[in-house]
């Protein structure tokens, strides 16, 4: 989770679904009604080399805050998990090597 959040923060327009599917998602309204034409147009954009202009015409800075919040929560969960592991190890040593 932390790895993918860092990737998305560095490149907010990155789409990992493949260029044609990302293009189709970018025009979701026309994709619902006429998906064949939308996929053909996306194929043309790929051939022309203009797919990046169609999939992400403007940088979506609005989702940056959500990604940063998700990254903060993931780091918090990692820290809490490490604390639980340390407590568990000390509890195990206390039970195994504790005094009677």
PDB file of N, CA and C in Angstrom:
ATOM      1  N   UNK A   1       0.826  -1.183   0.000  1.00  0.00           N
ATOM      2  CA  UNK A   1       0.000   0.000   0.000  1.00  0.00           C
ATOM      3  C   UNK A   1       0.871   1.248   0.000  1.00  0.00           C
ATOM      4  N   UNK A   2       1.882   1.255   0.857  1.00  0.00           N
ATOM      5  CA  UNK A   2       2.762   2.413   0.941  1.00  0.00           C
ATOM      6  C   UNK A   2       3.493   2.612  -0.379  1.00  0.00           C
ATOM      7  N   UNK A   3       3.930   1.527  -0.985  1.00  0.00           N
ATOM      8  CA  UNK A   3       4.649   1.602  -2.258  1.00  0.00           C
ATOM      9  C   UNK A   3       3.780   2.227  -3.346  1.00  0.00           C
ATOM     10  N   UNK A   4       2.537   1.758  -3.479  1.00  0.00           N
ATOM     11  CA  UNK A   4       1.654   2.279  -4.523  1.00  0.00           C
ATOM     12  C   UNK A   4       1.256   3.721  -4.250  1.00  0.00           C
ATOM     13  N   UNK A   5       1.070   4.086  -2.977  1.00  0.00           N
ATOM     14  CA  UNK A   5       0.756   5.478  -2.661  1.00  0.00           C
ATOM     15  C   UNK A   5       1.898   6.394  -3.066  1.00  0.00           C
ATOM     16  N   UNK A   6       3.126   5.977  -2.809  1.00  0.00           N
ATOM     17  CA  UNK A   6       4.276   6.802  -3.215  1.00  0.00           C
ATOM     18  C   UNK A   6       4.339   6.939  -4.733  1.00  0.00           C
ATOM     19  N   UNK A   7       4.028   5.877  -5.455  1.00  0.00           N
ATOM     20  CA  UNK A   7       4.039   5.950  -6.919  1.00  0.00           C
ATOM     21  C   UNK A   7       2.976   6.924  -7.404  1.00  0.00           C
ATOM     22  N   UNK A   8       1.774   6.841  -6.844  1.00  0.00           N
ATOM     23  CA  UNK A   8       0.696   7.717  -7.285  1.00  0.00           C
ATOM     24  C   UNK A   8       0.947   9.171  -6.902  1.00  0.00           C
ATOM     25  N   UNK A   9       1.609   9.411  -5.776  1.00  0.00           N
ATOM     26  CA  UNK A   9       1.916  10.795  -5.403  1.00  0.00           C
ATOM     27  C   UNK A   9       2.913  11.386  -6.394  1.00  0.00           C
ATOM     28  N   UNK A  10       3.868  10.585  -6.843  1.00  0.00           N
ATOM     29  CA  UNK A  10       4.860  11.071  -7.802  1.00  0.00           C
ATOM     30  C   UNK A  10       4.272  11.272  -9.196  1.00  0.00           C
ATOM     31  N   UNK A  11       3.242  10.510  -9.561  1.00  0.00           N
ATOM     32  CA  UNK A  11       2.627  10.625 -10.893  1.00  0.00           C
ATOM     33  C   UNK A  11       1.123  10.437 -10.741  1.00  0.00           C
ATOM     34  N   UNK A  12       0.396  11.547 -10.545  1.00  0.00           N
ATOM     35  CA  UNK A  12      -1.039  11.478 -10.284  1.00  0.00           C
ATOM     36  C   UNK A  12      -1.847  10.983 -11.484  1.00  0.00           C
ATOM     37  N   UNK A  13      -1.292  11.073 -12.672  1.00  0.00           N
ATOM     38  CA  UNK A  13      -2.011  10.645 -13.872  1.00  0.00           C
ATOM     39  C   UNK A  13      -1.749   9.193 -14.234  1.00  0.00           C
ATOM     40  N   UNK A  14      -0.943   8.503 -13.460  1.00  0.00           N
ATOM     41  CA  UNK A  14      -0.573   7.119 -13.787  1.00  0.00           C
ATOM     42  C   UNK A  14      -1.791   6.209 -13.734  1.00  0.00           C
ATOM     43  N   UNK A  15      -1.939   5.388 -14.765  1.00  0.00           N
ATOM     44  CA  UNK A  15      -3.019   4.415 -14.824  1.00  0.00           C
ATOM     45  C   UNK A  15      -2.394   3.060 -15.139  1.00  0.00           C
ATOM     46  N   UNK A  16      -2.686   2.077 -14.304  1.00  0.00           N
ATOM     47  CA  UNK A  16      -2.068   0.759 -14.442  1.00  0.00           C
ATOM     48  C   UNK A  16      -2.972  -0.253 -15.129  1.00  0.00           C
ATOM     49  N   UNK A  17      -4.020   0.192 -15.758  1.00  0.00           N
ATOM     50  CA  UNK A  17      -4.967  -0.728 -16.385  1.00  0.00           C
ATOM     51  C   UNK A  17      -4.688  -0.955 -17.865  1.00  0.00           C
ATOM     52  N   UNK A  18      -3.641  -0.375 -18.380  1.00  0.00           N
ATOM     53  CA  UNK A  18      -3.351  -0.461 -19.801  1.00  0.00           C
ATOM     54  C   UNK A  18      -3.897   0.771 -20.509  1.00  0.00           C
ATOM     55  N   UNK A  19      -3.242   1.198 -21.574  1.00  0.00           N
ATOM     56  CA  UNK A  19      -3.629   2.469 -22.202  1.00  0.00           C
ATOM     57  C   UNK A  19      -5.042   2.480 -22.774  1.00  0.00           C
ATOM     58  N   UNK A  20      -5.469   1.380 -23.381  1.00  0.00           N
ATOM     59  CA  UNK A  20      -6.784   1.383 -24.007  1.00  0.00           C
ATOM     60  C   UNK A  20      -7.903   1.406 -22.963  1.00  0.00           C
ATOM     61  N   UNK A  21      -7.755   0.649 -21.896  1.00  0.00           N
ATOM     62  CA  UNK A  21      -8.771   0.640 -20.848  1.00  0.00           C
ATOM     63  C   UNK A  21      -8.777   1.960 -20.081  1.00  0.00           C
ATOM     64  N   UNK A  22      -7.608   2.526 -19.839  1.00  0.00           N
ATOM     65  CA  UNK A  22      -7.545   3.833 -19.169  1.00  0.00           C
ATOM     66  C   UNK A  22      -8.206   4.905 -20.020  1.00  0.00           C
ATOM     67  N   UNK A  23      -8.004   4.822 -21.306  1.00  0.00           N
ATOM     68  CA  UNK A  23      -8.640   5.759 -22.233  1.00  0.00           C
ATOM     69  C   UNK A  23     -10.154   5.599 -22.178  1.00  0.00           C
ATOM     70  N   UNK A  24     -10.633   4.362 -22.175  1.00  0.00           N
ATOM     71  CA  UNK A  24     -12.074   4.110 -22.140  1.00  0.00           C
ATOM     72  C   UNK A  24     -12.686   4.597 -20.839  1.00  0.00           C
ATOM     73  N   UNK A  25     -11.971   4.433 -19.737  1.00  0.00           N
ATOM     74  CA  UNK A  25     -12.471   4.909 -18.447  1.00  0.00           C
ATOM     75  C   UNK A  25     -12.520   6.427 -18.432  1.00  0.00           C
ATOM     76  N   UNK A  26     -11.577   7.059 -19.125  1.00  0.00           N
ATOM     77  CA  UNK A  26     -11.564   8.523 -19.194  1.00  0.00           C
ATOM     78  C   UNK A  26     -12.798   9.089 -19.850  1.00  0.00           C
ATOM     79  N   UNK A  27     -13.407   8.340 -20.753  1.00  0.00           N
ATOM     80  CA  UNK A  27     -14.639   8.798 -21.398  1.00  0.00           C
ATOM     81  C   UNK A  27     -15.770   7.854 -21.005  1.00  0.00           C
ATOM     82  N   UNK A  28     -15.996   7.724 -19.730  1.00  0.00           N
ATOM     83  CA  UNK A  28     -16.916   6.717 -19.194  1.00  0.00           C
ATOM     84  C   UNK A  28     -18.358   6.939 -19.638  1.00  0.00           C
ATOM     85  N   UNK A  29     -18.764   8.188 -19.837  1.00  0.00           N
ATOM     86  CA  UNK A  29     -20.144   8.434 -20.266  1.00  0.00           C
ATOM     87  C   UNK A  29     -20.406   7.850 -21.653  1.00  0.00           C
ATOM     88  N   UNK A  30     -19.476   8.058 -22.576  1.00  0.00           N
ATOM     89  CA  UNK A  30     -19.669   7.490 -23.908  1.00  0.00           C
ATOM     90  C   UNK A  30     -19.384   5.994 -23.907  1.00  0.00           C
ATOM     91  N   UNK A  31     -18.576   5.529 -22.959  1.00  0.00           N
ATOM     92  CA  UNK A  31     -18.254   4.112 -22.882  1.00  0.00           C
ATOM     93  C   UNK A  31     -19.492   3.289 -22.534  1.00  0.00           C
ATOM     94  N   UNK A  32     -20.386   3.843 -21.724  1.00  0.00           N
ATOM     95  CA  UNK A  32     -21.602   3.118 -21.348  1.00  0.00           C
ATOM     96  C   UNK A  32     -22.542   2.959 -22.528  1.00  0.00           C
ATOM     97  N   UNK A  33     -22.613   3.961 -23.363  1.00  0.00           N
ATOM     98  CA  UNK A  33     -23.588   3.911 -24.437  1.00  0.00           C
ATOM     99  C   UNK A  33     -23.015   3.320 -25.726  1.00  0.00           C
ATOM    100  N   UNK A  34     -21.782   3.603 -26.031  1.00  0.00           N
ATOM    101  CA  UNK A  34     -21.217   3.172 -27.313  1.00  0.00           C
ATOM    102  C   UNK A  34     -19.771   2.738 -27.092  1.00  0.00           C
ATOM    103  N   UNK A  35     -19.589   1.580 -26.465  1.00  0.00           N
ATOM    104  CA  UNK A  35     -18.245   1.169 -26.078  1.00  0.00           C
ATOM    105  C   UNK A  35     -17.378   0.778 -27.262  1.00  0.00           C
ATOM    106  N   UNK A  36     -17.965   0.287 -28.352  1.00  0.00           N
ATOM    107  CA  UNK A  36     -17.150  -0.098 -29.510  1.00  0.00           C
ATOM    108  C   UNK A  36     -16.468   1.118 -30.113  1.00  0.00           C
ATOM    109  N   UNK A  37     -17.205   2.184 -30.285  1.00  0.00           N
ATOM    110  CA  UNK A  37     -16.633   3.409 -30.847  1.00  0.00           C
ATOM    111  C   UNK A  37     -15.582   3.989 -29.906  1.00  0.00           C
ATOM    112  N   UNK A  38     -15.857   3.946 -28.613  1.00  0.00           N
ATOM    113  CA  UNK A  38     -14.904   4.472 -27.642  1.00  0.00           C
ATOM    114  C   UNK A  38     -13.592   3.703 -27.695  1.00  0.00           C
ATOM    115  N   UNK A  39     -13.657   2.379 -27.764  1.00  0.00           N
ATOM    116  CA  UNK A  39     -12.435   1.578 -27.843  1.00  0.00           C
ATOM    117  C   UNK A  39     -11.696   1.804 -29.154  1.00  0.00           C
ATOM    118  N   UNK A  40     -12.423   2.014 -30.251  1.00  0.00           N
ATOM    119  CA  UNK A  40     -11.771   2.309 -31.534  1.00  0.00           C
ATOM    120  C   UNK A  40     -11.061   3.657 -31.477  1.00  0.00           C
ATOM    121  N   UNK A  41     -11.710   4.654 -30.854  1.00  0.00           N
ATOM    122  CA  UNK A  41     -11.068   5.960 -30.718  1.00  0.00           C
ATOM    123  C   UNK A  41      -9.821   5.858 -29.848  1.00  0.00           C
ATOM    124  N   UNK A  42      -9.906   5.074 -28.799  1.00  0.00           N
ATOM    125  CA  UNK A  42      -8.742   4.895 -27.929  1.00  0.00           C
ATOM    126  C   UNK A  42      -7.615   4.199 -28.680  1.00  0.00           C
ATOM    127  N   UNK A  43      -7.957   3.250 -29.522  1.00  0.00           N
ATOM    128  CA  UNK A  43      -6.953   2.591 -30.357  1.00  0.00           C
ATOM    129  C   UNK A  43      -6.276   3.577 -31.296  1.00  0.00           C
ATOM    130  N   UNK A  44      -7.054   4.508 -31.849  1.00  0.00           N
ATOM    131  CA  UNK A  44      -6.483   5.542 -32.715  1.00  0.00           C
ATOM    132  C   UNK A  44      -5.558   6.468 -31.924  1.00  0.00           C
ATOM    133  N   UNK A  45      -5.965   6.825 -30.704  1.00  0.00           N
ATOM    134  CA  UNK A  45      -5.108   7.667 -29.867  1.00  0.00           C
ATOM    135  C   UNK A  45      -3.783   6.968 -29.568  1.00  0.00           C
ATOM    136  N   UNK A  46      -3.841   5.663 -29.347  1.00  0.00           N
ATOM    137  CA  UNK A  46      -2.615   4.907 -29.072  1.00  0.00           C
ATOM    138  C   UNK A  46      -1.708   4.912 -30.297  1.00  0.00           C
ATOM    139  N   UNK A  47      -2.289   4.697 -31.481  1.00  0.00           N
ATOM    140  CA  UNK A  47      -1.494   4.679 -32.710  1.00  0.00           C
ATOM    141  C   UNK A  47      -0.888   6.051 -33.006  1.00  0.00           C
ATOM    142  N   UNK A  48      -1.641   7.109 -32.693  1.00  0.00           N
ATOM    143  CA  UNK A  48      -1.154   8.467 -32.956  1.00  0.00           C
ATOM    144  C   UNK A  48      -0.163   8.943 -31.890  1.00  0.00           C
ATOM    145  N   UNK A  49      -0.129   8.238 -30.763  1.00  0.00           N
ATOM    146  CA  UNK A  49       0.775   8.623 -29.683  1.00  0.00           C
ATOM    147  C   UNK A  49       0.232   9.750 -28.816  1.00  0.00           C
ATOM    148  N   UNK A  50      -1.069  10.005 -28.880  1.00  0.00           N
ATOM    149  CA  UNK A  50      -1.669  11.083 -28.087  1.00  0.00           C
ATOM    150  C   UNK A  50      -2.532  10.544 -26.957  1.00  0.00           C
ATOM    151  N   UNK A  51      -2.278   9.315 -26.532  1.00  0.00           N
ATOM    152  CA  UNK A  51      -3.121   8.683 -25.519  1.00  0.00           C
ATOM    153  C   UNK A  51      -3.014   9.402 -24.173  1.00  0.00           C
ATOM    154  N   UNK A  52      -1.829   9.914 -23.825  1.00  0.00           N
ATOM    155  CA  UNK A  52      -1.666  10.565 -22.527  1.00  0.00           C
ATOM    156  C   UNK A  52      -2.479  11.848 -22.441  1.00  0.00           C
ATOM    157  N   UNK A  53      -2.680  12.541 -23.551  1.00  0.00           N
ATOM    158  CA  UNK A  53      -3.490  13.755 -23.545  1.00  0.00           C
ATOM    159  C   UNK A  53      -4.961  13.435 -23.327  1.00  0.00           C
ATOM    160  N   UNK A  54      -5.376  12.247 -23.729  1.00  0.00           N
ATOM    161  CA  UNK A  54      -6.780  11.876 -23.584  1.00  0.00           C
ATOM    162  C   UNK A  54      -7.081  11.240 -22.229  1.00  0.00           C
ATOM    163  N   UNK A  55      -6.148  10.451 -21.709  1.00  0.00           N
ATOM    164  CA  UNK A  55      -6.413   9.770 -20.442  1.00  0.00           C
ATOM    165  C   UNK A  55      -6.294  10.712 -19.254  1.00  0.00           C
ATOM    166  N   UNK A  56      -5.443  11.720 -19.344  1.00  0.00           N
ATOM    167  CA  UNK A  56      -5.259  12.645 -18.224  1.00  0.00           C
ATOM    168  C   UNK A  56      -5.021  14.051 -18.771  1.00  0.00           C
ATOM    169  N   UNK A  57      -6.082  14.727 -19.228  1.00  0.00           N
ATOM    170  CA  UNK A  57      -5.886  16.056 -19.815  1.00  0.00           C
ATOM    171  C   UNK A  57      -5.430  17.101 -18.793  1.00  0.00           C
ATOM    172  N   UNK A  58      -5.870  16.967 -17.542  1.00  0.00           N
ATOM    173  CA  UNK A  58      -5.410  17.856 -16.477  1.00  0.00           C
ATOM    174  C   UNK A  58      -4.984  16.988 -15.294  1.00  0.00           C
ATOM    175  N   UNK A  59      -4.030  17.462 -14.534  1.00  0.00           N
ATOM    176  CA  UNK A  59      -3.549  16.703 -13.384  1.00  0.00           C
ATOM    177  C   UNK A  59      -4.586  16.771 -12.263  1.00  0.00           C
ATOM    178  N   UNK A  60      -5.049  15.636 -11.761  1.00  0.00           N
ATOM    179  CA  UNK A  60      -6.099  15.610 -10.731  1.00  0.00           C
ATOM    180  C   UNK A  60      -5.546  15.862  -9.330  1.00  0.00           C
ATOM    181  N   UNK A  61      -5.264  17.124  -9.020  1.00  0.00           N
ATOM    182  CA  UNK A  61      -4.691  17.452  -7.720  1.00  0.00           C
ATOM    183  C   UNK A  61      -5.673  17.194  -6.577  1.00  0.00           C
ATOM    184  N   UNK A  62      -6.953  17.059  -6.862  1.00  0.00           N
ATOM    185  CA  UNK A  62      -7.941  16.793  -5.828  1.00  0.00           C
ATOM    186  C   UNK A  62      -7.728  15.455  -5.134  1.00  0.00           C
ATOM    187  N   UNK A  63      -7.210  14.483  -5.850  1.00  0.00           N
ATOM    188  CA  UNK A  63      -7.013  13.170  -5.225  1.00  0.00           C
ATOM    189  C   UNK A  63      -5.703  13.085  -4.463  1.00  0.00           C
ATOM    190  N   UNK A  64      -4.861  14.095  -4.546  1.00  0.00           N
ATOM    191  CA  UNK A  64      -3.590  14.092  -3.833  1.00  0.00           C
ATOM    192  C   UNK A  64      -3.805  14.042  -2.325  1.00  0.00           C
ATOM    193  N   UNK A  65      -4.772  14.788  -1.810  1.00  0.00           N
ATOM    194  CA  UNK A  65      -5.041  14.791  -0.372  1.00  0.00           C
ATOM    195  C   UNK A  65      -5.514  13.421   0.104  1.00  0.00           C
ATOM    196  N   UNK A  66      -6.332  12.751  -0.692  1.00  0.00           N
ATOM    197  CA  UNK A  66      -6.807  11.419  -0.319  1.00  0.00           C
ATOM    198  C   UNK A  66      -5.666  10.409  -0.308  1.00  0.00           C
ATOM    199  N   UNK A  67      -4.772  10.508  -1.276  1.00  0.00           N
ATOM    200  CA  UNK A  67      -3.633   9.588  -1.331  1.00  0.00           C
ATOM    201  C   UNK A  67      -2.701   9.837  -0.154  1.00  0.00           C
ATOM    202  N   UNK A  68      -2.489  11.106   0.198  1.00  0.00           N
ATOM    203  CA  UNK A  68      -1.637  11.412   1.337  1.00  0.00           C
ATOM    204  C   UNK A  68      -2.257  10.907   2.639  1.00  0.00           C
ATOM    205  N   UNK A  69      -3.575  11.038   2.772  1.00  0.00           N
ATOM    206  CA  UNK A  69      -4.250  10.522   3.961  1.00  0.00           C
ATOM    207  C   UNK A  69      -4.148   8.999   4.026  1.00  0.00           C
ATOM    208  N   UNK A  70      -4.319   8.341   2.886  1.00  0.00           N
ATOM    209  CA  UNK A  70      -4.197   6.891   2.840  1.00  0.00           C
ATOM    210  C   UNK A  70      -2.768   6.467   3.184  1.00  0.00           C
ATOM    211  N   UNK A  71      -1.791   7.205   2.701  1.00  0.00           N
ATOM    212  CA  UNK A  71      -0.398   6.908   3.009  1.00  0.00           C
ATOM    213  C   UNK A  71      -0.136   7.078   4.501  1.00  0.00           C
ATOM    214  N   UNK A  72      -0.674   8.118   5.096  1.00  0.00           N
ATOM    215  CA  UNK A  72      -0.513   8.327   6.534  1.00  0.00           C
ATOM    216  C   UNK A  72      -1.139   7.212   7.350  1.00  0.00           C
ATOM    217  N   UNK A  73      -2.319   6.764   6.951  1.00  0.00           N
ATOM    218  CA  UNK A  73      -2.977   5.654   7.652  1.00  0.00           C
ATOM    219  C   UNK A  73      -2.181   4.357   7.506  1.00  0.00           C
ATOM    220  N   UNK A  74      -1.629   4.121   6.328  1.00  0.00           N
ATOM    221  CA  UNK A  74      -0.833   2.902   6.110  1.00  0.00           C
ATOM    222  C   UNK A  74       0.424   2.920   6.975  1.00  0.00           C
ATOM    223  N   UNK A  75       1.077   4.072   7.083  1.00  0.00           N
ATOM    224  CA  UNK A  75       2.268   4.171   7.930  1.00  0.00           C
ATOM    225  C   UNK A  75       1.877   3.966   9.392  1.00  0.00           C
ATOM    226  N   UNK A  76       0.759   4.548   9.804  1.00  0.00           N
ATOM    227  CA  UNK A  76       0.273   4.348  11.176  1.00  0.00           C
ATOM    228  C   UNK A  76      -0.011   2.888  11.476  1.00  0.00           C
ATOM    229  N   UNK A  77      -0.633   2.193  10.526  1.00  0.00           N
ATOM    230  CA  UNK A  77      -0.918   0.764  10.710  1.00  0.00           C
ATOM    231  C   UNK A  77       0.377  -0.035  10.814  1.00  0.00           C
ATOM    232  N   UNK A  78       1.375   0.333  10.027  1.00  0.00           N
ATOM    233  CA  UNK A  78       2.665  -0.359  10.075  1.00  0.00           C
ATOM    234  C   UNK A  78       3.337  -0.167  11.430  1.00  0.00           C
ATOM    235  N   UNK A  79       3.277   1.035  11.955  1.00  0.00           N
ATOM    236  CA  UNK A  79       3.881   1.309  13.265  1.00  0.00           C
ATOM    237  C   UNK A  79       3.148   0.537  14.361  1.00  0.00           C
ATOM    238  N   UNK A  80       1.822   0.548  14.327  1.00  0.00           N
ATOM    239  CA  UNK A  80       1.044  -0.186  15.332  1.00  0.00           C
ATOM    240  C   UNK A  80       1.316  -1.682  15.240  1.00  0.00           C
ATOM    241  N   UNK A  81       1.442  -2.202  14.044  1.00  0.00           N
ATOM    242  CA  UNK A  81       1.751  -3.624  13.869  1.00  0.00           C
ATOM    243  C   UNK A  81       3.119  -3.948  14.468  1.00  0.00           C
ATOM    244  N   UNK A  82       4.094  -3.085  14.260  1.00  0.00           N
ATOM    245  CA  UNK A  82       5.423  -3.315  14.830  1.00  0.00           C
ATOM    246  C   UNK A  82       5.366  -3.300  16.356  1.00  0.00           C
ATOM    247  N   UNK A  83       4.577  -2.390  16.924  1.00  0.00           N
ATOM    248  CA  UNK A  83       4.425  -2.337  18.379  1.00  0.00           C
ATOM    249  C   UNK A  83       3.790  -3.628  18.888  1.00  0.00           C
ATOM    250  N   UNK A  84       2.760  -4.113  18.200  1.00  0.00           N
ATOM    251  CA  UNK A  84       2.119  -5.371  18.608  1.00  0.00           C
ATOM    252  C   UNK A  84       3.089  -6.544  18.551  1.00  0.00           C
ATOM    253  N   UNK A  85       3.931  -6.584  17.549  1.00  0.00           N
ATOM    254  CA  UNK A  85       4.917  -7.667  17.436  1.00  0.00           C
ATOM    255  C   UNK A  85       5.892  -7.617  18.614  1.00  0.00           C
ATOM    256  N   UNK A  86       6.353  -6.420  18.951  1.00  0.00           N
ATOM    257  CA  UNK A  86       7.276  -6.282  20.077  1.00  0.00           C
ATOM    258  C   UNK A  86       6.595  -6.704  21.382  1.00  0.00           C
ATOM    259  N   UNK A  87       5.371  -6.280  21.604  1.00  0.00           N
ATOM    260  CA  UNK A  87       4.625  -6.674  22.808  1.00  0.00           C
ATOM    261  C   UNK A  87       4.434  -8.185  22.842  1.00  0.00           C
ATOM    262  N   UNK A  88       4.121  -8.788  21.706  1.00  0.00           N
ATOM    263  CA  UNK A  88       3.923 -10.238  21.631  1.00  0.00           C
ATOM    264  C   UNK A  88       5.206 -10.979  21.981  1.00  0.00           C
ATOM    265  N   UNK A  89       6.332 -10.510  21.448  1.00  0.00           N
ATOM    266  CA  UNK A  89       7.613 -11.172  21.730  1.00  0.00           C
ATOM    267  C   UNK A  89       7.933 -11.080  23.217  1.00  0.00           C
ATOM    268  N   UNK A  90       7.749  -9.898  23.807  1.00  0.00           N
ATOM    269  CA  UNK A  90       8.014  -9.759  25.242  1.00  0.00           C
ATOM    270  C   UNK A  90       7.057 -10.603  26.068  1.00  0.00           C
ATOM    271  N   UNK A  91       5.805 -10.708  25.651  1.00  0.00           N
ATOM    272  CA  UNK A  91       4.854 -11.542  26.369  1.00  0.00           C
ATOM    273  C   UNK A  91       5.237 -13.019  26.275  1.00  0.00           C
ATOM    274  N   UNK A  92       5.690 -13.454  25.111  1.00  0.00           N
ATOM    275  CA  UNK A  92       6.131 -14.846  24.946  1.00  0.00           C
ATOM    276  C   UNK A  92       7.331 -15.147  25.832  1.00  0.00           C
ATOM    277  N   UNK A  93       8.307 -14.223  25.855  1.00  0.00           N
ATOM    278  CA  UNK A  93       9.476 -14.430  26.709  1.00  0.00           C
ATOM    279  C   UNK A  93       9.081 -14.415  28.182  1.00  0.00           C
ATOM    280  N   UNK A  94       8.109 -13.599  28.537  1.00  0.00           N
ATOM    281  CA  UNK A  94       7.636 -13.554  29.920  1.00  0.00           C
ATOM    282  C   UNK A  94       6.973 -14.846  30.331  1.00  0.00           C
ATOM    283  N   UNK A  95       6.229 -15.466  29.427  1.00  0.00           N
ATOM    284  CA  UNK A  95       5.561 -16.725  29.737  1.00  0.00           C
ATOM    285  C   UNK A  95       6.551 -17.881  29.745  1.00  0.00           C
ATOM    286  N   UNK A  96       7.432 -17.914  28.746  1.00  0.00           N
ATOM    287  CA  UNK A  96       8.367 -19.037  28.621  1.00  0.00           C
ATOM    288  C   UNK A  96       9.466 -19.001  29.686  1.00  0.00           C
ATOM    289  N   UNK A  97       9.979 -17.833  29.962  1.00  0.00           N
ATOM    290  CA  UNK A  97      11.131 -17.729  30.862  1.00  0.00           C
ATOM    291  C   UNK A  97      10.780 -16.994  32.156  1.00  0.00           C
ATOM    292  N   UNK A  98       9.503 -16.864  32.434  1.00  0.00           N
ATOM    293  CA  UNK A  98       9.070 -16.153  33.633  1.00  0.00           C
ATOM    294  C   UNK A  98       9.370 -16.941  34.888  1.00  0.00           C
ATOM    295  N   UNK A  99       9.404 -16.274  35.983  1.00  0.00           N
ATOM    296  CA  UNK A  99       9.667 -16.928  37.272  1.00  0.00           C
ATOM    297  C   UNK A  99       8.375 -17.471  37.830  1.00  0.00           C
ATOM    298  N   UNK A 100       8.462 -18.574  38.486  1.00  0.00           N
ATOM    299  CA  UNK A 100       7.288 -19.191  39.114  1.00  0.00           C
ATOM    300  C   UNK A 100       7.114 -18.738  40.542  1.00  0.00           C
TER     301      UNK A 100
END
